[in-house]
Protein backbone atom coordinates (compact mmCIF):
# COMPACT_ATOMS: atom_id res chain seq x y z
CA MET A 1 0.00 0.00 0.00
CA THR A 2 1.15 3.49 -0.73
CA HIS A 3 1.18 6.25 1.85
CA LYS A 4 -1.86 7.86 0.18
CA GLN A 5 -3.82 4.60 0.30
CA VAL A 6 -3.02 4.11 3.98
CA ARG A 7 -4.06 7.68 4.73
CA ALA A 8 -7.31 7.30 2.78
CA LEU A 9 -8.08 4.04 4.59
CA SER A 10 -7.38 5.69 7.97
CA ILE A 11 -9.65 8.64 7.18
CA THR A 12 -12.41 6.27 6.02
CA ALA A 13 -12.13 4.21 9.22
CA LEU A 14 -12.23 7.33 11.40
CA THR A 15 -15.27 8.65 9.54
CA LEU A 16 -17.12 5.37 10.05
CA LEU A 17 -16.30 5.38 13.77
CA LEU A 18 -17.45 8.97 14.22
CA THR A 19 -20.66 8.24 12.34
CA SER A 20 -21.42 5.31 14.63
CA VAL A 21 -21.10 7.57 17.69
CA ALA A 22 -23.38 10.20 16.15
CA ALA A 23 -26.24 7.81 15.35
CA ALA A 24 -26.35 5.27 18.17
CA GLN A 25 -29.69 4.86 19.96
CA LYS A 26 -30.40 2.11 22.47
CA ILE A 27 -33.72 1.09 23.96
CA ARG A 28 -33.89 -1.20 26.99
CA VAL A 29 -36.95 -2.41 28.84
CA GLU A 30 -37.26 -3.89 32.31
CA PHE A 31 -40.52 -5.22 33.72
CA ASP A 32 -42.04 -7.20 36.56
CA GLN A 33 -42.37 -10.78 35.32
CA GLY A 34 -45.29 -11.38 37.68
CA ALA A 35 -47.35 -8.36 36.65
CA ASP A 36 -50.59 -8.88 34.73
CA PHE A 37 -50.39 -6.12 32.12
CA SER A 38 -53.84 -6.93 30.74
CA LYS A 39 -55.46 -5.45 33.88
CA TYR A 40 -54.05 -1.97 33.23
CA LYS A 41 -56.57 0.17 31.35
CA THR A 42 -55.85 3.75 32.50
CA PHE A 43 -52.80 5.89 33.15
CA ALA A 44 -51.96 9.28 34.63
CA ILE A 45 -48.74 11.21 34.21
CA ARG A 46 -47.74 12.10 37.76
CA GLY A 47 -44.58 14.03 37.04
CA GLY A 48 -41.24 14.18 35.43
CA GLN A 49 -37.76 15.42 36.04
CA LEU A 50 -35.57 17.24 33.54
CA ASN A 51 -31.87 17.30 34.34
CA SER A 52 -29.54 18.79 31.77
CA LYS A 53 -26.73 21.30 31.71
CA ASP A 54 -28.28 22.57 28.48
CA ALA A 55 -30.91 25.11 29.54
CA ALA A 56 -33.02 24.40 26.45
CA PHE A 57 -33.93 20.99 27.89
CA ASN A 58 -34.84 22.28 31.35
CA SER A 59 -37.97 24.03 30.19
CA GLU A 60 -41.73 23.76 30.33
CA LEU A 61 -41.73 23.25 26.54
CA THR A 62 -39.61 20.09 26.84
CA ARG A 63 -41.84 18.85 29.67
CA LYS A 64 -44.99 19.37 27.56
CA ARG A 65 -43.39 17.68 24.58
CA VAL A 66 -42.34 14.59 26.54
CA GLU A 67 -45.72 14.30 28.29
CA SER A 68 -47.60 14.67 25.01
CA ASP A 69 -45.45 11.95 23.41
CA ILE A 70 -45.99 9.62 26.39
CA GLU A 71 -49.74 10.24 26.30
CA ARG A 72 -49.86 9.53 22.57
CA GLY A 73 -47.72 6.39 22.94
CA LEU A 74 -49.79 4.88 25.74
CA THR A 75 -53.09 5.78 24.05
CA VAL A 76 -51.97 3.96 20.91
CA ARG A 77 -51.27 0.95 23.14
CA GLY A 78 -54.93 0.90 24.25
CA LEU A 79 -54.67 2.76 27.55
CA THR A 80 -56.89 5.71 28.46
CA LYS A 81 -55.66 8.85 30.17
CA ALA A 82 -57.33 9.38 33.56
CA GLU A 83 -57.60 12.68 35.39
CA GLY A 84 -58.07 11.14 38.84
CA ARG A 85 -57.11 7.67 40.01
CA ALA A 86 -55.49 5.52 37.33
CA ASP A 87 -54.26 1.93 37.07
CA LEU A 88 -50.76 3.11 36.14
CA ASN A 89 -48.86 6.15 37.38
CA VAL A 90 -46.28 7.44 34.91
CA ARG A 91 -43.09 9.25 35.89
CA TYR A 92 -40.20 10.11 33.63
CA HIS A 93 -36.64 11.43 33.90
CA PHE A 94 -34.70 13.03 31.05
CA GLY A 95 -31.15 14.34 31.07
CA THR A 96 -28.20 15.05 28.85
CA ALA A 97 -24.48 14.95 29.48
CA ARG A 98 -21.32 15.66 27.52
CA LYS A 99 -19.04 12.62 27.21
CA THR A 100 -15.86 11.62 25.43
CA GLU A 101 -15.04 8.38 23.70
CA VAL A 102 -11.58 7.26 22.58
CA GLU A 103 -11.47 5.94 19.02
CA ARG A 104 -8.47 4.08 17.62
CA TYR A 105 -7.58 3.71 13.97
CA PRO A 106 -4.57 2.52 11.96
CA ALA A 107 -1.79 5.06 11.51
CA GLY A 108 1.91 5.25 11.10
CA TRP A 109 4.27 3.80 8.57
CA ARG A 110 2.35 1.46 6.24
CA GLY A 111 -0.56 1.46 8.64
CA TRP A 112 1.38 -0.31 11.38
CA GLY A 113 0.48 1.24 14.66
CA THR A 114 -2.58 3.03 15.93
CA ARG A 115 -3.66 6.55 16.64
CA ALA A 116 -6.08 7.40 19.41
CA VAL A 117 -8.49 10.29 19.02
CA ARG A 118 -10.81 11.65 21.71
CA VAL A 119 -14.27 12.16 20.25
CA PRO A 120 -16.69 14.34 22.23
CA TYR A 121 -20.40 13.63 22.01
CA ALA A 122 -23.64 14.33 23.83
CA GLU A 123 -25.69 11.57 25.42
CA GLY A 124 -29.35 11.92 26.26
CA THR A 125 -31.15 9.45 28.52
CA LEU A 126 -34.90 9.15 28.95
CA VAL A 127 -36.36 6.84 31.61
CA ILE A 128 -40.11 6.18 31.65
CA ASP A 129 -41.48 4.39 34.72
CA LEU A 130 -44.94 2.83 34.96
CA ARG A 131 -46.07 2.04 38.50
CA ASP A 132 -49.06 0.03 39.62
CA SER A 133 -51.13 2.56 41.55
CA ALA A 134 -52.65 -0.04 43.89
CA SER A 135 -49.35 -1.59 45.04
CA ARG A 136 -47.18 1.44 44.21
CA SER A 137 -44.61 -0.92 42.74
CA LEU A 138 -42.66 -0.42 39.55
CA VAL A 139 -44.03 -2.77 36.87
CA TRP A 140 -42.36 -1.45 33.68
CA ARG A 141 -39.39 0.75 32.84
CA GLY A 142 -38.24 1.93 29.43
CA ILE A 143 -34.75 3.39 29.07
CA ALA A 144 -33.78 5.17 25.86
CA THR A 145 -30.23 6.40 25.30
CA GLN A 146 -29.29 8.58 22.34
CA LYS A 147 -25.76 9.59 21.34
CA LYS A 148 -25.34 12.62 19.09
CA ASP A 149 -22.74 15.23 18.22
CA SER A 150 -24.46 17.88 20.34
CA ALA A 151 -27.33 18.26 22.81
CA SER A 152 -29.36 20.19 20.24
CA ASP A 153 -29.20 17.11 17.95
CA ILE A 154 -30.71 15.03 20.77
CA ALA A 155 -33.71 17.39 20.90
CA GLY A 156 -34.62 16.24 17.39
CA LYS A 157 -34.65 12.61 18.56
CA LEU A 158 -36.65 13.07 21.76
CA ASP A 159 -39.95 12.06 20.11
CA ASP A 160 -38.28 8.89 18.74
CA MET A 161 -36.89 8.04 22.17
CA VAL A 162 -40.39 8.11 23.69
CA ARG A 163 -42.04 6.32 20.76
CA LYS A 164 -39.47 3.51 20.57
CA SER A 165 -39.57 2.94 24.32
CA LEU A 166 -43.36 2.70 24.44
CA GLU A 167 -43.44 0.39 21.40
CA LYS A 168 -42.16 -2.23 23.83
CA TYR A 169 -45.22 -1.89 26.09
CA PRO A 170 -46.86 -4.19 27.07
CA PRO A 171 -43.83 -6.46 27.31
CA LYS A 172 -43.70 -9.87 25.70
CA LYS A 173 -42.79 -12.40 28.37
């Protein structure tokens, strides 16, 4: 390989690694194996917590957006929003943080050796908890994590984070 080919290969590898950091989204679900999810017919959003160093996320607008998305997602799943007592109480937590990841790619003479590059990114995490109102126990939790180049990019994915989490409700045992 020539020096130009090695350099082109290194740049291509770095670009692919950076792209994977910018687009990664993970959805995890935890639930009570003994819960009978068919008995839950109503829900009420009882509160949420926004925790971000980015002031744009710590606002009433973000809160309304998340609650509207949760309401829409649970309604599509066959639940009805209740104003008073409900079968499920919903609470959510959303936050963002700046993080750094170390990426390694081939470098040096003829590609022998490696170069490490620190890649900054923003990570947003949304946790949606559904609690049985009678027993007050947690029966379902959806955790969505989104990695993007900046916190403002995460704002564009917030609706997806809620939707993809609630697609996994009710859980399949």
